[in-house]
Amino acid sequence: MKTRHYLLMIFSGLFMALSYTGYGQQVKEVNIKGLDKMRYSVEEITASPGQKIRLTLTTVSNLPKAQMSHNFVLLKKDADPSAFVSDGLAYPSNEYIDDSWSDDIIVKTKLLGAGESDTVEFTAPKEKGTYTYVCTFPGHFQAGMKGSLTVQ
């Protein structure tokens, strides 16, 4: 009887450890689609400071990868999204990201063509505020493919 009780306690603790992280918060699951109309299906995400986030981006398109690809790049709060995207245009072999901006990136997915998905896990910044995410494929940010993570 005691053995069964101890096993139940161990499995309960393991379940809780797998289900919760950070400050006792559950991992936030975010699923975003990158669409042909150069928009994210989710343009606003909210999280608590230090919350774990598992984000999956899937590109939904009828066009070839060379014509329509999407990624998700979350920038630090003080980064200039327009300058970041503009500087990246010179680096198509690096998914349109200039490595000199690497310190301004919190997390990023791969550049994805039709039907492709990428999942990243990260911790929301501890500092409250609004953080911008962008698609670096040429013309997409300028067409409005961006969103915000609000940490509150």
N, C-alpha and C. Protein backbone atom coordinates (compact mmCIF):
# COMPACT_ATOMS: atom_id res chain seq x y z
N MET A 1 0.82 -1.19 0.00
CA MET A 1 0.00 0.00 0.00
C MET A 1 0.87 1.25 0.00
N LYS A 2 1.93 1.26 0.84
CA LYS A 2 2.81 2.42 0.90
C LYS A 2 3.54 2.61 -0.43
N THR A 3 3.95 1.52 -1.05
CA THR A 3 4.65 1.60 -2.32
C THR A 3 3.76 2.25 -3.38
N ARG A 4 2.52 1.85 -3.43
CA ARG A 4 1.58 2.41 -4.39
C ARG A 4 1.40 3.92 -4.15
N HIS A 5 1.31 4.31 -2.90
CA HIS A 5 1.17 5.73 -2.54
C HIS A 5 2.40 6.53 -2.99
N TYR A 6 3.58 5.99 -2.74
CA TYR A 6 4.81 6.68 -3.14
C TYR A 6 4.92 6.80 -4.66
N LEU A 7 4.56 5.74 -5.37
CA LEU A 7 4.58 5.79 -6.84
C LEU A 7 3.61 6.84 -7.37
N LEU A 8 2.44 6.90 -6.76
CA LEU A 8 1.46 7.91 -7.17
C LEU A 8 2.02 9.31 -6.95
N MET A 9 2.69 9.53 -5.84
CA MET A 9 3.29 10.84 -5.56
C MET A 9 4.38 11.17 -6.58
N ILE A 10 5.20 10.19 -6.92
CA ILE A 10 6.29 10.40 -7.89
C ILE A 10 5.71 10.75 -9.25
N PHE A 11 4.72 9.97 -9.72
CA PHE A 11 4.14 10.23 -11.04
C PHE A 11 3.39 11.56 -11.07
N SER A 12 2.73 11.90 -9.98
CA SER A 12 2.05 13.20 -9.91
C SER A 12 3.06 14.34 -10.02
N GLY A 13 4.17 14.22 -9.31
CA GLY A 13 5.22 15.24 -9.38
C GLY A 13 5.83 15.33 -10.76
N LEU A 14 6.06 14.19 -11.40
CA LEU A 14 6.61 14.18 -12.75
C LEU A 14 5.65 14.84 -13.72
N PHE A 15 4.36 14.53 -13.62
CA PHE A 15 3.36 15.14 -14.49
C PHE A 15 3.37 16.66 -14.32
N MET A 16 3.41 17.11 -13.08
CA MET A 16 3.41 18.56 -12.83
C MET A 16 4.67 19.20 -13.38
N ALA A 17 5.81 18.53 -13.25
CA ALA A 17 7.06 19.09 -13.76
C ALA A 17 7.02 19.19 -15.27
N LEU A 18 6.40 18.22 -15.93
CA LEU A 18 6.32 18.27 -17.39
C LEU A 18 5.28 19.28 -17.87
N SER A 19 4.24 19.51 -17.09
CA SER A 19 3.16 20.39 -17.49
C SER A 19 3.45 21.85 -17.21
N TYR A 20 4.24 22.12 -16.20
CA TYR A 20 4.50 23.50 -15.79
C TYR A 20 5.98 23.80 -15.87
N THR A 21 6.26 25.07 -16.05
CA THR A 21 7.64 25.51 -16.14
C THR A 21 7.73 26.95 -15.71
N GLY A 22 8.93 27.48 -15.63
CA GLY A 22 9.09 28.89 -15.27
C GLY A 22 8.55 29.18 -13.89
N TYR A 23 7.70 30.14 -13.78
CA TYR A 23 7.13 30.58 -12.52
C TYR A 23 5.81 29.87 -12.22
N GLY A 24 5.77 28.57 -12.45
CA GLY A 24 4.56 27.83 -12.17
C GLY A 24 3.51 27.99 -13.26
N GLN A 25 3.90 28.50 -14.41
CA GLN A 25 2.96 28.72 -15.50
C GLN A 25 3.05 27.57 -16.50
N GLN A 26 1.95 27.30 -17.15
CA GLN A 26 1.98 26.30 -18.21
C GLN A 26 2.70 26.87 -19.42
N VAL A 27 3.26 25.95 -20.24
CA VAL A 27 3.85 26.36 -21.50
C VAL A 27 2.73 26.86 -22.40
N LYS A 28 2.91 28.03 -22.95
CA LYS A 28 1.91 28.61 -23.85
C LYS A 28 2.16 28.08 -25.26
N GLU A 29 1.14 27.47 -25.85
CA GLU A 29 1.22 26.95 -27.22
C GLU A 29 0.67 28.00 -28.17
N VAL A 30 1.45 28.36 -29.18
CA VAL A 30 1.01 29.34 -30.18
C VAL A 30 1.22 28.72 -31.56
N ASN A 31 0.15 28.65 -32.33
CA ASN A 31 0.21 28.13 -33.70
C ASN A 31 -0.13 29.27 -34.65
N ILE A 32 0.80 29.54 -35.56
CA ILE A 32 0.63 30.65 -36.51
C ILE A 32 0.77 30.11 -37.92
N LYS A 33 -0.07 30.63 -38.81
CA LYS A 33 0.06 30.31 -40.23
C LYS A 33 0.57 31.54 -40.95
N GLY A 34 1.54 31.34 -41.85
CA GLY A 34 1.98 32.38 -42.76
C GLY A 34 1.18 32.22 -44.04
N LEU A 35 0.51 33.27 -44.45
CA LEU A 35 -0.46 33.18 -45.54
C LEU A 35 0.01 33.89 -46.81
N ASP A 36 -0.57 33.51 -47.96
CA ASP A 36 -0.22 34.14 -49.24
C ASP A 36 -0.53 35.64 -49.26
N LYS A 37 -1.46 36.09 -48.45
CA LYS A 37 -1.78 37.52 -48.43
C LYS A 37 -0.76 38.31 -47.60
N MET A 38 0.38 37.68 -47.31
CA MET A 38 1.50 38.28 -46.58
C MET A 38 1.07 38.81 -45.22
N ARG A 39 0.43 37.93 -44.48
CA ARG A 39 -0.02 38.21 -43.12
C ARG A 39 0.18 36.96 -42.28
N TYR A 40 0.36 37.18 -41.00
CA TYR A 40 0.33 36.07 -40.05
C TYR A 40 -1.13 35.86 -39.63
N SER A 41 -1.50 34.63 -39.37
CA SER A 41 -2.86 34.36 -38.89
C SER A 41 -3.03 34.83 -37.45
N VAL A 42 -1.94 35.00 -36.73
CA VAL A 42 -1.96 35.52 -35.36
C VAL A 42 -1.02 36.73 -35.34
N GLU A 43 -1.59 37.90 -35.08
CA GLU A 43 -0.77 39.12 -35.08
C GLU A 43 -0.55 39.69 -33.69
N GLU A 44 -1.16 39.08 -32.69
CA GLU A 44 -0.97 39.53 -31.31
C GLU A 44 -0.87 38.32 -30.39
N ILE A 45 0.20 38.30 -29.60
CA ILE A 45 0.43 37.25 -28.61
C ILE A 45 0.64 37.95 -27.28
N THR A 46 0.08 37.39 -26.22
CA THR A 46 0.36 37.92 -24.88
C THR A 46 0.99 36.82 -24.04
N ALA A 47 1.86 37.24 -23.14
CA ALA A 47 2.53 36.30 -22.25
C ALA A 47 2.89 37.01 -20.96
N SER A 48 3.16 36.23 -19.96
CA SER A 48 3.65 36.77 -18.69
C SER A 48 5.17 36.82 -18.74
N PRO A 49 5.79 37.70 -17.97
CA PRO A 49 7.26 37.74 -17.94
C PRO A 49 7.84 36.37 -17.58
N GLY A 50 8.78 35.90 -18.37
CA GLY A 50 9.44 34.64 -18.11
C GLY A 50 8.64 33.40 -18.48
N GLN A 51 7.49 33.57 -19.11
CA GLN A 51 6.67 32.42 -19.49
C GLN A 51 7.30 31.67 -20.65
N LYS A 52 7.24 30.35 -20.59
CA LYS A 52 7.73 29.51 -21.68
C LYS A 52 6.68 29.49 -22.79
N ILE A 53 7.16 29.60 -24.03
CA ILE A 53 6.28 29.62 -25.20
C ILE A 53 6.79 28.60 -26.21
N ARG A 54 5.88 27.81 -26.73
CA ARG A 54 6.20 26.89 -27.82
C ARG A 54 5.41 27.38 -29.02
N LEU A 55 6.11 27.88 -30.03
CA LEU A 55 5.48 28.51 -31.19
C LEU A 55 5.74 27.66 -32.43
N THR A 56 4.68 27.37 -33.17
CA THR A 56 4.80 26.65 -34.43
C THR A 56 4.30 27.54 -35.55
N LEU A 57 5.16 27.73 -36.55
CA LEU A 57 4.79 28.48 -37.76
C LEU A 57 4.64 27.49 -38.90
N THR A 58 3.54 27.60 -39.63
CA THR A 58 3.29 26.78 -40.82
C THR A 58 2.98 27.71 -41.97
N THR A 59 3.64 27.50 -43.10
CA THR A 59 3.35 28.29 -44.29
C THR A 59 2.23 27.61 -45.08
N VAL A 60 1.19 28.38 -45.36
CA VAL A 60 0.05 27.91 -46.14
C VAL A 60 0.09 28.71 -47.44
N SER A 61 0.43 28.03 -48.54
CA SER A 61 0.61 28.75 -49.80
C SER A 61 0.38 27.82 -50.98
N ASN A 62 0.03 28.42 -52.10
CA ASN A 62 -0.08 27.68 -53.36
C ASN A 62 1.08 28.02 -54.29
N LEU A 63 2.04 28.79 -53.79
CA LEU A 63 3.16 29.26 -54.61
C LEU A 63 4.44 28.51 -54.26
N PRO A 64 5.40 28.47 -55.20
CA PRO A 64 6.69 27.84 -54.91
C PRO A 64 7.45 28.60 -53.81
N LYS A 65 8.32 27.89 -53.10
CA LYS A 65 9.08 28.47 -51.99
C LYS A 65 9.86 29.72 -52.40
N ALA A 66 10.40 29.72 -53.61
CA ALA A 66 11.18 30.87 -54.08
C ALA A 66 10.33 32.13 -54.23
N GLN A 67 9.02 31.96 -54.38
CA GLN A 67 8.13 33.10 -54.55
C GLN A 67 7.39 33.48 -53.27
N MET A 68 7.18 32.51 -52.38
CA MET A 68 6.40 32.78 -51.17
C MET A 68 6.91 31.90 -50.03
N SER A 69 7.67 32.52 -49.15
CA SER A 69 8.17 31.85 -47.95
C SER A 69 7.93 32.77 -46.76
N HIS A 70 7.84 32.16 -45.59
CA HIS A 70 7.61 32.94 -44.38
C HIS A 70 8.51 32.45 -43.26
N ASN A 71 8.86 33.37 -42.37
CA ASN A 71 9.51 33.01 -41.13
C ASN A 71 8.94 33.87 -40.02
N PHE A 72 9.37 33.61 -38.82
CA PHE A 72 8.96 34.36 -37.63
C PHE A 72 10.23 34.76 -36.93
N VAL A 73 10.46 36.07 -36.81
CA VAL A 73 11.65 36.56 -36.11
C VAL A 73 11.17 37.55 -35.05
N LEU A 74 11.36 37.18 -33.79
CA LEU A 74 10.98 38.03 -32.67
C LEU A 74 12.18 38.87 -32.26
N LEU A 75 11.98 40.19 -32.26
CA LEU A 75 13.06 41.13 -31.97
C LEU A 75 12.99 41.65 -30.54
N LYS A 76 14.14 42.04 -30.04
CA LYS A 76 14.16 42.68 -28.72
C LYS A 76 13.39 43.99 -28.79
N LYS A 77 12.99 44.47 -27.63
CA LYS A 77 12.08 45.62 -27.55
C LYS A 77 12.63 46.88 -28.23
N ASP A 78 13.91 47.14 -28.12
CA ASP A 78 14.48 48.37 -28.66
C ASP A 78 14.98 48.25 -30.11
N ALA A 79 14.86 47.07 -30.72
CA ALA A 79 15.31 46.89 -32.10
C ALA A 79 14.38 47.62 -33.07
N ASP A 80 14.94 48.13 -34.14
CA ASP A 80 14.17 48.82 -35.18
C ASP A 80 13.78 47.80 -36.25
N PRO A 81 12.52 47.36 -36.29
CA PRO A 81 12.12 46.33 -37.25
C PRO A 81 12.35 46.71 -38.70
N SER A 82 12.10 47.96 -39.06
CA SER A 82 12.29 48.40 -40.46
C SER A 82 13.75 48.29 -40.86
N ALA A 83 14.65 48.75 -40.02
CA ALA A 83 16.08 48.68 -40.32
C ALA A 83 16.55 47.23 -40.35
N PHE A 84 16.04 46.42 -39.41
CA PHE A 84 16.41 45.00 -39.37
C PHE A 84 16.06 44.31 -40.69
N VAL A 85 14.82 44.48 -41.14
CA VAL A 85 14.37 43.84 -42.38
C VAL A 85 15.12 44.41 -43.58
N SER A 86 15.30 45.71 -43.62
CA SER A 86 16.00 46.35 -44.74
C SER A 86 17.44 45.85 -44.86
N ASP A 87 18.15 45.78 -43.74
CA ASP A 87 19.54 45.32 -43.77
C ASP A 87 19.63 43.85 -44.19
N GLY A 88 18.62 43.06 -43.88
CA GLY A 88 18.63 41.65 -44.21
C GLY A 88 18.45 41.34 -45.69
N LEU A 89 17.93 42.29 -46.46
CA LEU A 89 17.69 42.05 -47.88
C LEU A 89 18.97 41.66 -48.64
N ALA A 90 20.12 42.07 -48.14
CA ALA A 90 21.39 41.76 -48.79
C ALA A 90 21.87 40.34 -48.49
N TYR A 91 21.11 39.56 -47.71
CA TYR A 91 21.56 38.24 -47.27
C TYR A 91 20.54 37.14 -47.56
N PRO A 92 20.23 36.93 -48.86
CA PRO A 92 19.24 35.89 -49.18
C PRO A 92 19.70 34.49 -48.75
N SER A 93 21.01 34.24 -48.77
CA SER A 93 21.50 32.91 -48.38
C SER A 93 21.43 32.69 -46.87
N ASN A 94 21.14 33.75 -46.11
CA ASN A 94 20.99 33.65 -44.65
C ASN A 94 19.54 33.95 -44.24
N GLU A 95 18.61 33.56 -45.11
CA GLU A 95 17.18 33.76 -44.86
C GLU A 95 16.82 35.22 -44.64
N TYR A 96 17.55 36.10 -45.35
CA TYR A 96 17.33 37.55 -45.32
C TYR A 96 17.53 38.13 -43.91
N ILE A 97 18.56 37.62 -43.23
CA ILE A 97 18.91 38.13 -41.91
C ILE A 97 20.38 38.51 -41.91
N ASP A 98 20.67 39.76 -41.58
CA ASP A 98 22.03 40.26 -41.46
C ASP A 98 22.55 39.82 -40.09
N ASP A 99 23.64 39.04 -40.07
CA ASP A 99 24.19 38.53 -38.82
C ASP A 99 24.61 39.62 -37.84
N SER A 100 24.82 40.84 -38.33
CA SER A 100 25.20 41.91 -37.40
C SER A 100 24.04 42.26 -36.45
N TRP A 101 22.85 41.77 -36.74
CA TRP A 101 21.67 42.01 -35.90
C TRP A 101 21.40 40.84 -34.95
N SER A 102 22.27 39.84 -34.90
CA SER A 102 21.97 38.63 -34.13
C SER A 102 21.69 38.90 -32.65
N ASP A 103 22.31 39.92 -32.08
CA ASP A 103 22.05 40.25 -30.67
C ASP A 103 20.66 40.84 -30.44
N ASP A 104 19.98 41.24 -31.52
CA ASP A 104 18.65 41.84 -31.41
C ASP A 104 17.53 40.83 -31.61
N ILE A 105 17.88 39.57 -31.87
CA ILE A 105 16.90 38.52 -32.12
C ILE A 105 16.69 37.71 -30.84
N ILE A 106 15.43 37.58 -30.44
CA ILE A 106 15.10 36.73 -29.28
C ILE A 106 14.97 35.28 -29.74
N VAL A 107 14.23 35.06 -30.83
CA VAL A 107 14.03 33.72 -31.38
C VAL A 107 13.61 33.86 -32.84
N LYS A 108 13.89 32.82 -33.63
CA LYS A 108 13.47 32.84 -35.03
C LYS A 108 13.21 31.42 -35.50
N THR A 109 12.33 31.32 -36.49
CA THR A 109 12.12 30.05 -37.16
C THR A 109 12.92 30.06 -38.45
N LYS A 110 12.90 28.92 -39.12
CA LYS A 110 13.49 28.82 -40.46
C LYS A 110 12.54 29.52 -41.44
N LEU A 111 13.06 29.85 -42.61
CA LEU A 111 12.24 30.37 -43.71
C LEU A 111 11.56 29.16 -44.35
N LEU A 112 10.23 29.18 -44.41
CA LEU A 112 9.44 28.00 -44.76
C LEU A 112 8.62 28.19 -46.02
N GLY A 113 8.64 27.18 -46.89
CA GLY A 113 7.79 27.18 -48.07
C GLY A 113 6.47 26.48 -47.78
N ALA A 114 5.65 26.37 -48.80
CA ALA A 114 4.30 25.79 -48.68
C ALA A 114 4.31 24.45 -47.97
N GLY A 115 3.47 24.33 -46.93
CA GLY A 115 3.33 23.09 -46.21
C GLY A 115 4.41 22.80 -45.18
N GLU A 116 5.42 23.63 -45.10
CA GLU A 116 6.49 23.41 -44.14
C GLU A 116 6.16 24.07 -42.80
N SER A 117 6.65 23.46 -41.72
CA SER A 117 6.44 23.98 -40.37
C SER A 117 7.76 23.97 -39.61
N ASP A 118 7.84 24.85 -38.63
CA ASP A 118 9.00 24.88 -37.72
C ASP A 118 8.47 25.26 -36.34
N THR A 119 8.96 24.59 -35.33
CA THR A 119 8.57 24.87 -33.96
C THR A 119 9.79 25.33 -33.18
N VAL A 120 9.61 26.42 -32.43
CA VAL A 120 10.67 26.94 -31.56
C VAL A 120 10.10 27.10 -30.16
N GLU A 121 10.96 26.92 -29.18
CA GLU A 121 10.58 27.14 -27.80
C GLU A 121 11.47 28.24 -27.25
N PHE A 122 10.87 29.15 -26.49
CA PHE A 122 11.63 30.24 -25.92
C PHE A 122 10.94 30.74 -24.67
N THR A 123 11.65 31.58 -23.95
CA THR A 123 11.12 32.19 -22.74
C THR A 123 10.79 33.64 -23.04
N ALA A 124 9.58 34.05 -22.71
CA ALA A 124 9.20 35.45 -22.91
C ALA A 124 10.15 36.32 -22.09
N PRO A 125 10.49 37.50 -22.60
CA PRO A 125 11.36 38.39 -21.84
C PRO A 125 10.78 38.68 -20.46
N LYS A 126 11.66 38.95 -19.53
CA LYS A 126 11.21 39.28 -18.17
C LYS A 126 10.73 40.72 -18.07
N GLU A 127 11.21 41.56 -19.00
CA GLU A 127 10.80 42.97 -18.99
C GLU A 127 9.47 43.13 -19.71
N LYS A 128 8.51 43.73 -19.02
CA LYS A 128 7.20 43.96 -19.62
C LYS A 128 7.32 44.95 -20.78
N GLY A 129 6.45 44.79 -21.76
CA GLY A 129 6.45 45.69 -22.90
C GLY A 129 6.01 44.96 -24.16
N THR A 130 6.18 45.65 -25.29
CA THR A 130 5.77 45.12 -26.59
C THR A 130 7.00 44.82 -27.43
N TYR A 131 7.02 43.62 -27.98
CA TYR A 131 8.12 43.12 -28.80
C TYR A 131 7.56 42.78 -30.17
N THR A 132 8.22 43.23 -31.22
CA THR A 132 7.73 43.04 -32.59
C THR A 132 8.28 41.76 -33.19
N TYR A 133 7.43 41.03 -33.92
CA TYR A 133 7.92 39.92 -34.74
C TYR A 133 7.62 40.22 -36.20
N VAL A 134 8.52 39.74 -37.08
CA VAL A 134 8.46 40.08 -38.50
C VAL A 134 8.76 38.85 -39.36
N CYS A 135 8.35 38.96 -40.62
CA CYS A 135 8.77 38.03 -41.67
C CYS A 135 9.84 38.76 -42.49
N THR A 136 10.96 38.08 -42.73
CA THR A 136 12.07 38.74 -43.43
C THR A 136 12.06 38.51 -44.94
N PHE A 137 11.13 37.70 -45.47
CA PHE A 137 11.09 37.49 -46.92
C PHE A 137 10.82 38.84 -47.59
N PRO A 138 11.53 39.14 -48.68
CA PRO A 138 11.42 40.47 -49.30
C PRO A 138 9.98 40.93 -49.56
N GLY A 139 9.70 42.12 -49.08
CA GLY A 139 8.41 42.76 -49.29
C GLY A 139 7.34 42.42 -48.27
N HIS A 140 7.53 41.36 -47.51
CA HIS A 140 6.47 40.92 -46.60
C HIS A 140 6.26 41.87 -45.42
N PHE A 141 7.32 42.27 -44.76
CA PHE A 141 7.19 43.21 -43.64
C PHE A 141 6.55 44.51 -44.12
N GLN A 142 7.03 44.99 -45.27
CA GLN A 142 6.50 46.24 -45.83
C GLN A 142 5.02 46.13 -46.18
N ALA A 143 4.57 44.91 -46.52
CA ALA A 143 3.16 44.67 -46.84
C ALA A 143 2.31 44.48 -45.58
N GLY A 144 2.96 44.44 -44.42
CA GLY A 144 2.23 44.33 -43.17
C GLY A 144 2.39 43.01 -42.43
N MET A 145 3.34 42.16 -42.85
CA MET A 145 3.52 40.89 -42.19
C MET A 145 4.39 41.08 -40.95
N LYS A 146 3.70 41.42 -39.87
CA LYS A 146 4.36 41.63 -38.58
C LYS A 146 3.32 41.42 -37.50
N GLY A 147 3.79 41.34 -36.28
CA GLY A 147 2.90 41.18 -35.14
C GLY A 147 3.61 41.61 -33.88
N SER A 148 2.93 41.41 -32.75
CA SER A 148 3.54 41.83 -31.49
C SER A 148 3.32 40.80 -30.40
N LEU A 149 4.35 40.65 -29.58
CA LEU A 149 4.28 39.89 -28.35
C LEU A 149 4.22 40.92 -27.24
N THR A 150 3.13 40.91 -26.48
CA THR A 150 3.00 41.81 -25.34
C THR A 150 3.25 41.04 -24.08
N VAL A 151 4.27 41.46 -23.34
CA VAL A 151 4.60 40.84 -22.07
C VAL A 151 3.98 41.70 -20.99
N GLN A 152 3.06 41.11 -20.21
CA GLN A 152 2.36 41.89 -19.18
C GLN A 152 2.19 41.10 -17.90
